[in-house]
């Protein structure tokens, strides 16, 4: 049984992200919808990417350029949401995304970095994001039941121009 789970962990993780997106559409506010939509979209594009180019990916200087592109898009969406959302959990998602981006930076600059270390730095953050997103959505739903509507965005930063 554990072997089946281990070999299908990516499919299970991807299904969880899509399920979270569907729950967020129904029960989440703007930050939840944006974050789950972005990550679910990345998951779908990731699947298409590997269907087109195969499991090896597009490698340059030992780094997967397709994964780098997907992580850059995710970074561009997640970080602004993390900085503006009136919630704490997006900061965890943003921190995990920074780790994933650093993995690519290390691999591009230091090609002698251990391949296992690169793979772990680029894959483990998605599990952190899954846990943070799950907890964040649960906390949002609970808070919304307890106090009703509340602001989705923080006023701590000046509005963008």
Protein backbone atom coordinates (compact mmCIF):
# COMPACT_ATOMS: atom_id res chain seq x y z
CA UNK A 1 0.00 0.00 0.00
CA UNK A 2 2.78 2.44 0.89
CA UNK A 3 4.53 1.60 -2.39
CA UNK A 4 1.43 2.61 -4.31
CA UNK A 5 1.22 5.91 -2.43
CA UNK A 6 4.94 6.58 -2.91
CA UNK A 7 4.90 6.00 -6.67
CA UNK A 8 1.75 8.06 -7.10
CA UNK A 9 2.65 10.90 -4.71
CA UNK A 10 2.86 13.50 -7.48
CA UNK A 11 -0.59 12.57 -8.80
CA UNK A 12 -2.01 12.64 -5.27
CA UNK A 13 -0.41 16.03 -4.58
CA UNK A 14 -1.71 17.45 -7.86
CA UNK A 15 -5.21 16.14 -7.19
CA UNK A 16 -5.11 17.78 -3.74
CA UNK A 17 -4.18 21.15 -5.29
CA UNK A 18 -7.04 20.91 -7.78
CA UNK A 19 -9.44 19.90 -4.99
CA UNK A 20 -8.29 22.87 -2.88
CA UNK A 21 -8.93 25.14 -5.86
CA UNK A 22 -12.49 23.82 -6.18
CA UNK A 23 -13.10 24.32 -2.43
CA UNK A 24 -11.61 27.84 -2.60
CA UNK A 25 -13.91 28.75 -5.49
CA UNK A 26 -16.87 27.93 -3.28
CA UNK A 27 -15.70 28.91 0.21
CA UNK A 28 -12.59 31.06 -0.17
CA UNK A 29 -12.07 34.78 -0.58
CA UNK A 30 -9.81 36.51 -3.12
CA UNK A 31 -6.43 35.45 -1.63
CA UNK A 32 -7.51 31.81 -1.44
CA UNK A 33 -8.85 31.84 -4.97
CA UNK A 34 -5.77 33.52 -6.38
CA UNK A 35 -3.31 31.22 -4.60
CA UNK A 36 -5.16 27.97 -5.27
CA UNK A 37 -5.92 29.00 -8.84
CA UNK A 38 -2.28 29.82 -9.49
CA UNK A 39 -0.95 26.61 -8.02
CA UNK A 40 -3.64 24.45 -9.67
CA UNK A 41 -2.86 26.17 -12.98
CA UNK A 42 0.86 25.52 -12.49
CA UNK A 43 0.08 21.86 -11.79
CA UNK A 44 -1.91 21.54 -15.02
CA UNK A 45 0.74 23.33 -17.10
CA UNK A 46 3.43 21.16 -15.45
CA UNK A 47 1.58 18.03 -16.56
CA UNK A 48 1.25 19.38 -20.12
CA UNK A 49 4.94 20.38 -20.14
CA UNK A 50 6.04 16.83 -19.33
CA UNK A 51 3.60 15.34 -21.85
CA UNK A 52 5.18 17.50 -24.55
CA UNK A 53 8.90 17.29 -23.68
CA UNK A 54 9.02 14.03 -21.70
CA UNK A 55 10.26 13.34 -18.20
CA UNK A 56 13.75 14.71 -18.86
CA UNK A 57 12.50 18.25 -19.39
CA UNK A 58 14.43 21.08 -20.99
CA UNK A 59 17.82 21.10 -19.28
CA UNK A 60 20.35 23.94 -19.41
CA UNK A 61 23.39 23.94 -17.11
CA UNK A 62 21.86 20.99 -15.25
CA UNK A 63 18.68 22.96 -14.36
CA UNK A 64 15.20 22.26 -15.71
CA UNK A 65 14.18 25.42 -17.58
CA UNK A 66 10.51 24.42 -17.72
CA UNK A 67 10.34 24.08 -13.94
CA UNK A 68 12.23 27.37 -13.59
CA UNK A 69 9.67 29.12 -15.82
CA UNK A 70 6.75 27.66 -13.85
CA UNK A 71 8.37 28.66 -10.55
CA UNK A 72 8.96 32.20 -11.87
CA UNK A 73 5.28 32.56 -12.78
CA UNK A 74 4.24 31.18 -9.40
CA UNK A 75 6.70 33.54 -7.65
CA UNK A 76 5.31 36.55 -9.56
CA UNK A 77 1.80 35.81 -8.29
CA UNK A 78 2.42 34.36 -4.82
CA UNK A 79 4.77 37.02 -3.43
CA UNK A 80 2.46 40.04 -4.03
CA UNK A 81 -0.49 38.11 -2.57
CA UNK A 82 1.61 37.10 0.44
CA UNK A 83 2.60 40.71 1.07
CA UNK A 84 -0.91 42.15 0.72
CA UNK A 85 -3.25 39.44 2.05
CA UNK A 86 -4.80 39.87 5.47
CA UNK A 87 -3.61 36.38 6.40
CA UNK A 88 -0.40 34.75 7.63
CA UNK A 89 -0.38 31.50 5.66
CA UNK A 90 0.43 33.15 2.29
CA UNK A 91 3.77 34.17 3.81
CA UNK A 92 4.57 30.47 4.28
CA UNK A 93 3.61 29.79 0.68
CA UNK A 94 5.79 32.68 -0.46
CA UNK A 95 8.73 31.50 1.65
CA UNK A 96 8.46 28.02 0.15
CA UNK A 97 8.39 29.57 -3.32
CA UNK A 98 11.57 31.52 -2.55
CA UNK A 99 13.26 28.23 -1.59
CA UNK A 100 12.19 26.70 -4.91
CA UNK A 101 13.58 29.70 -6.78
CA UNK A 102 16.85 29.49 -4.86
CA UNK A 103 17.20 25.84 -5.91
CA UNK A 104 17.26 26.89 -9.56
CA UNK A 105 19.68 29.72 -8.81
CA UNK A 106 22.06 27.33 -7.07
CA UNK A 107 21.82 24.79 -9.87
CA UNK A 108 22.47 27.43 -12.53
CA UNK A 109 25.43 28.97 -10.71
CA UNK A 110 26.96 25.86 -9.13
CA UNK A 111 26.52 22.94 -11.49
CA UNK A 112 28.40 20.67 -9.11
CA UNK A 113 25.63 20.92 -6.51
CA UNK A 114 24.30 17.49 -5.67
CA UNK A 115 21.42 16.57 -7.98
CA UNK A 116 19.43 15.10 -5.06
CA UNK A 117 19.81 18.38 -3.11
CA UNK A 118 18.60 20.34 -6.15
CA UNK A 119 15.62 18.08 -6.62
CA UNK A 120 14.67 18.25 -2.94
CA UNK A 121 15.02 22.06 -2.83
CA UNK A 122 12.81 22.38 -5.87
CA UNK A 123 10.20 19.73 -4.92
CA UNK A 124 9.78 19.91 -1.12
CA UNK A 125 8.42 23.50 -1.20
CA UNK A 126 5.31 22.28 -3.02
CA UNK A 127 4.50 20.00 -0.07
CA UNK A 128 4.94 22.95 2.29
CA UNK A 129 2.64 24.97 0.06
CA UNK A 130 0.06 22.20 0.02
CA UNK A 131 0.04 22.02 3.83
CA UNK A 132 -0.05 25.83 4.22
CA UNK A 133 -2.81 26.22 1.65
CA UNK A 134 -4.89 23.47 3.23
CA UNK A 135 -4.53 24.94 6.72
CA UNK A 136 -5.05 28.48 5.43
CA UNK A 137 -8.28 27.55 3.69
CA UNK A 138 -9.52 25.73 6.80
CA UNK A 139 -8.63 28.74 8.98
CA UNK A 140 -10.34 31.14 6.56
CA UNK A 141 -13.54 29.07 6.48
CA UNK A 142 -13.51 28.79 10.28
CA UNK A 143 -12.87 32.51 10.74
CA UNK A 144 -15.58 33.40 8.23
CA UNK A 145 -18.09 31.21 10.11
CA UNK A 146 -17.08 32.75 13.43
CA UNK A 147 -16.99 36.47 12.57
CA UNK A 148 -18.51 36.76 9.10
CA UNK A 149 -16.98 38.81 6.32
CA UNK A 150 -13.61 40.38 7.03
CA UNK A 151 -11.12 42.25 4.82
CA UNK A 152 -9.12 40.07 2.45
CA UNK A 153 -6.35 42.60 2.01
CA UNK A 154 -4.20 44.42 4.50
CA UNK A 155 -4.01 48.20 4.53
CA UNK A 156 -0.47 48.17 5.95
CA UNK A 157 1.08 48.90 2.55
CA UNK A 158 0.06 51.81 0.35
CA UNK A 159 -2.14 50.77 -2.57
CA UNK A 160 -0.31 50.02 -5.84
CA UNK A 161 -0.33 52.78 -8.43
